C-alpha atoms as a PDB file:
ATOM      1  CA  MET A   1       0.000   0.000   0.000  1.00  0.00           C
ATOM      2  CA  LYS A   2       2.918   2.325   0.712  1.00  0.00           C
ATOM      3  CA  GLU A   3       4.133   1.967  -2.851  1.00  0.00           C
ATOM      4  CA  PHE A   4       0.763   3.069  -4.178  1.00  0.00           C
ATOM      5  CA  PHE A   5       0.804   6.400  -2.321  1.00  0.00           C
ATOM      6  CA  ALA A   6       4.494   6.987  -3.060  1.00  0.00           C
ATOM      7  CA  ASN A   7       3.877   6.796  -6.804  1.00  0.00           C
ATOM      8  CA  PRO A   8       5.042  10.111  -8.362  1.00  0.00           C
ATOM      9  CA  ASP A   9       2.525   9.792 -11.199  1.00  0.00           C
ATOM     10  CA  LEU A  10      -0.379  10.199  -8.788  1.00  0.00           C
ATOM     11  CA  GLY A  11       0.622  13.795  -8.078  1.00  0.00           C
ATOM     12  CA  LEU A  12       0.456  14.639 -11.766  1.00  0.00           C
ATOM     13  CA  ILE A  13      -2.872  12.867 -12.155  1.00  0.00           C
ATOM     14  CA  GLY A  14      -4.298  14.783  -9.194  1.00  0.00           C
ATOM     15  CA  LEU A  15      -2.985  18.076 -10.550  1.00  0.00           C
ATOM     16  CA  LEU A  16      -4.551  17.426 -13.953  1.00  0.00           C
ATOM     17  CA  PHE A  17      -7.837  16.345 -12.394  1.00  0.00           C
ATOM     18  CA  PHE A  18      -8.182  19.492 -10.275  1.00  0.00           C
ATOM     19  CA  PHE A  19      -7.039  21.759 -13.111  1.00  0.00           C
ATOM     20  CA  ILE A  20      -9.688  20.304 -15.430  1.00  0.00           C
ATOM     21  CA  PHE A  21     -12.276  20.530 -12.648  1.00  0.00           C
ATOM     22  CA  PHE A  22     -11.396  24.199 -12.005  1.00  0.00           C
ATOM     23  CA  CYS A  23     -11.557  25.045 -15.723  1.00  0.00           C
ATOM     24  CA  THR A  24     -14.936  23.316 -16.025  1.00  0.00           C
ATOM     25  CA  ILE A  25     -16.400  25.239 -13.083  1.00  0.00           C
ATOM     26  CA  PHE A  26     -14.950  28.494 -14.436  1.00  0.00           C
ATOM     27  CA  LEU A  27     -16.444  27.954 -17.890  1.00  0.00           C
ATOM     28  CA  TRP A  28     -19.805  26.904 -16.420  1.00  0.00           C
ATOM     29  CA  THR A  29     -19.938  30.033 -14.258  1.00  0.00           C
ATOM     30  CA  PHE A  30     -19.023  32.486 -17.007  1.00  0.00           C
ATOM     31  CA  ARG A  31     -20.988  30.934 -19.856  1.00  0.00           C
ATOM     32  CA  PRO A  32     -22.870  33.458 -22.023  1.00  0.00           C
ATOM     33  CA  GLY A  33     -26.428  32.570 -20.964  1.00  0.00           C
ATOM     34  CA  ALA A  34     -25.848  32.588 -17.217  1.00  0.00           C
ATOM     35  CA  LYS A  35     -25.775  36.333 -16.530  1.00  0.00           C
ATOM     36  CA  GLY A  36     -29.546  36.768 -16.417  1.00  0.00           C
ATOM     37  CA  LYS A  37     -29.981  33.775 -14.163  1.00  0.00           C
ATOM     38  CA  TYR A  38     -27.376  35.061 -11.703  1.00  0.00           C
ATOM     39  CA  GLN A  39     -28.982  38.519 -11.671  1.00  0.00           C
ATOM     40  CA  GLU A  40     -32.343  36.951 -10.805  1.00  0.00           C
ATOM     41  CA  HIS A  41     -30.743  35.002  -7.968  1.00  0.00           C
ATOM     42  CA  ALA A  42     -28.981  38.120  -6.686  1.00  0.00           C
ATOM     43  CA  ASN A  43     -32.283  39.989  -6.375  1.00  0.00           C
ATOM     44  CA  ILE A  44     -34.099  37.313  -4.363  1.00  0.00           C
ATOM     45  CA  PRO A  45     -33.482  38.987  -0.963  1.00  0.00           C
ATOM     46  CA  LEU A  46     -34.657  42.337  -2.366  1.00  0.00           C
ATOM     47  CA  ASP A  47     -37.889  41.085  -3.901  1.00  0.00           C
ATOM     48  CA  GLU A  48     -40.674  42.618  -1.793  1.00  0.00           C
ATOM     49  CA  ASN A  49     -43.529  40.783  -3.521  1.00  0.00           C
ATOM     50  CA  GLU A  50     -42.261  37.392  -2.427  1.00  0.00           C
ATOM     51  CA  ALA A  51     -41.737  38.522   1.178  1.00  0.00           C
ATOM     52  CA  GLU A  52     -45.287  39.892   1.502  1.00  0.00           C
ATOM     53  CA  THR A  53     -46.950  36.665   0.388  1.00  0.00           C
ATOM     54  CA  LYS A  54     -45.294  34.517   3.050  1.00  0.00           C
END
């Protein structure tokens, strides 16, 4: 088991995995159609109509 965790290739695989994961999240967040959705979500606490109905 010690040899498995001492494998130098695992560090590179982990680095590549997290780099690809970070790039995917970045692209998903800044995709062209997301701006309107994020603006709607940002205004939820300020929406008075929703607060009055509850």
